[in-house]
C-alpha atoms as a PDB file:
ATOM      1  CA  UNK A   1      -1.603 101.087  91.503  1.00  0.00           C
ATOM      2  CA  UNK A   2       1.899 102.522  90.423  1.00  0.00           C
ATOM      3  CA  UNK A   3       3.740 104.631  92.934  1.00  0.00           C
ATOM      4  CA  UNK A   4       4.140 107.403  90.744  1.00  0.00           C
ATOM      5  CA  UNK A   5       0.530 108.040  91.338  1.00  0.00           C
ATOM      6  CA  UNK A   6       1.146 109.279  94.695  1.00  0.00           C
ATOM      7  CA  UNK A   7       3.320 111.922  93.894  1.00  0.00           C
ATOM      8  CA  UNK A   8       1.045 113.056  91.309  1.00  0.00           C
ATOM      9  CA  UNK A   9      -2.301 113.016  93.542  1.00  0.00           C
ATOM     10  CA  UNK A  10      -0.129 114.641  96.575  1.00  0.00           C
ATOM     11  CA  UNK A  11       1.412 117.453  94.246  1.00  0.00           C
ATOM     12  CA  UNK A  12      -2.301 118.364  92.832  1.00  0.00           C
ATOM     13  CA  UNK A  13      -4.213 118.357  96.360  1.00  0.00           C
ATOM     14  CA  UNK A  14      -1.365 120.082  98.160  1.00  0.00           C
ATOM     15  CA  UNK A  15      -1.113 122.675  95.189  1.00  0.00           C
ATOM     16  CA  UNK A  16      -4.457 122.950  95.451  1.00  0.00           C
ATOM     17  CA  UNK A  17      -4.711 123.671  99.078  1.00  0.00           C
ATOM     18  CA  UNK A  18      -1.766 125.790  98.701  1.00  0.00           C
ATOM     19  CA  UNK A  19      -3.276 127.806  95.858  1.00  0.00           C
ATOM     20  CA  UNK A  20      -6.892 128.073  97.714  1.00  0.00           C
ATOM     21  CA  UNK A  21      -6.454 128.478 101.407  1.00  0.00           C
ATOM     22  CA  UNK A  22      -3.278 129.554 102.347  1.00  0.00           C
ATOM     23  CA  UNK A  23      -2.596 133.523 102.318  1.00  0.00           C
ATOM     24  CA  UNK A  24       0.972 133.500 100.274  1.00  0.00           C
ATOM     25  CA  UNK A  25       1.263 135.936  97.588  1.00  0.00           C
ATOM     26  CA  UNK A  26      -0.247 135.659  94.235  1.00  0.00           C
ATOM     27  CA  UNK A  27       2.740 135.546  92.673  1.00  0.00           C
ATOM     28  CA  UNK A  28       4.000 132.423  94.760  1.00  0.00           C
ATOM     29  CA  UNK A  29       0.633 130.721  94.404  1.00  0.00           C
ATOM     30  CA  UNK A  30       1.644 131.426  90.653  1.00  0.00           C
ATOM     31  CA  UNK A  31       4.830 129.813  90.569  1.00  0.00           C
ATOM     32  CA  UNK A  32       3.776 126.922  92.647  1.00  0.00           C
ATOM     33  CA  UNK A  33       0.575 126.642  90.230  1.00  0.00           C
ATOM     34  CA  UNK A  34       3.300 127.188  86.967  1.00  0.00           C
ATOM     35  CA  UNK A  35       5.999 124.655  88.084  1.00  0.00           C
ATOM     36  CA  UNK A  36       3.069 121.697  88.782  1.00  0.00           C
ATOM     37  CA  UNK A  37       1.613 122.502  85.148  1.00  0.00           C
ATOM     38  CA  UNK A  38       5.272 122.285  84.014  1.00  0.00           C
ATOM     39  CA  UNK A  39       5.913 119.035  85.710  1.00  0.00           C
ATOM     40  CA  UNK A  40       2.945 117.176  83.236  1.00  0.00           C
ATOM     41  CA  UNK A  41       5.031 118.355  80.391  1.00  0.00           C
ATOM     42  CA  UNK A  42       8.436 118.007  81.496  1.00  0.00           C
ATOM     43  CA  UNK A  43      10.366 114.458  80.932  1.00  0.00           C
ATOM     44  CA  UNK A  44      11.367 114.536  84.533  1.00  0.00           C
ATOM     45  CA  UNK A  45       8.314 115.913  86.142  1.00  0.00           C
ATOM     46  CA  UNK A  46       8.036 112.905  88.360  1.00  0.00           C
ATOM     47  CA  UNK A  47      10.623 114.672  90.480  1.00  0.00           C
ATOM     48  CA  UNK A  48       9.253 117.873  90.121  1.00  0.00           C
ATOM     49  CA  UNK A  49       6.088 116.988  91.735  1.00  0.00           C
ATOM     50  CA  UNK A  50       7.995 114.971  94.556  1.00  0.00           C
ATOM     51  CA  UNK A  51      10.015 118.375  95.243  1.00  0.00           C
ATOM     52  CA  UNK A  52       6.636 120.247  95.110  1.00  0.00           C
ATOM     53  CA  UNK A  53       4.612 117.914  97.582  1.00  0.00           C
ATOM     54  CA  UNK A  54       8.153 117.897  99.911  1.00  0.00           C
ATOM     55  CA  UNK A  55       8.255 121.776  99.845  1.00  0.00           C
ATOM     56  CA  UNK A  56       4.591 122.460 100.358  1.00  0.00           C
ATOM     57  CA  UNK A  57       4.636 119.869 103.326  1.00  0.00           C
ATOM     58  CA  UNK A  58       7.728 120.921 104.764  1.00  0.00           C
ATOM     59  CA  UNK A  59       5.413 124.961 104.198  1.00  0.00           C
ATOM     60  CA  UNK A  60       2.439 123.572 106.243  1.00  0.00           C
ATOM     61  CA  UNK A  61       4.074 122.113 108.897  1.00  0.00           C
ATOM     62  CA  UNK A  62       6.283 125.177 109.278  1.00  0.00           C
ATOM     63  CA  UNK A  63       2.674 127.035 109.175  1.00  0.00           C
ATOM     64  CA  UNK A  64       1.357 124.626 112.037  1.00  0.00           C
ATOM     65  CA  UNK A  65       3.880 124.922 114.115  1.00  0.00           C
ATOM     66  CA  UNK A  66       4.197 129.047 113.921  1.00  0.00           C
ATOM     67  CA  UNK A  67       0.528 129.045 114.698  1.00  0.00           C
ATOM     68  CA  UNK A  68      -0.186 126.758 117.310  1.00  0.00           C
ATOM     69  CA  UNK A  69       2.674 128.185 119.251  1.00  0.00           C
ATOM     70  CA  UNK A  70       1.295 131.523 119.028  1.00  0.00           C
ATOM     71  CA  UNK A  71      -0.843 131.977 122.049  1.00  0.00           C
ATOM     72  CA  UNK A  72       1.644 130.013 124.187  1.00  0.00           C
ATOM     73  CA  UNK A  73       3.318 133.144 126.129  1.00  0.00           C
END
């Protein structure tokens, strides 16, 4: 299995979770989904998919840290 498929599957999965589960703004969801669709047509789309994967992973880590420490005061 080529390593490019790892970025492809991760980008699709994280974008799907971001669009369907999070409470982000609609325009932000549209931008992420549009970038993912653009990555399928662009010659350097693999780099864009990697960037989407890293960005969404950091976003979900931020959300987890933010909400896990909310009840501790």
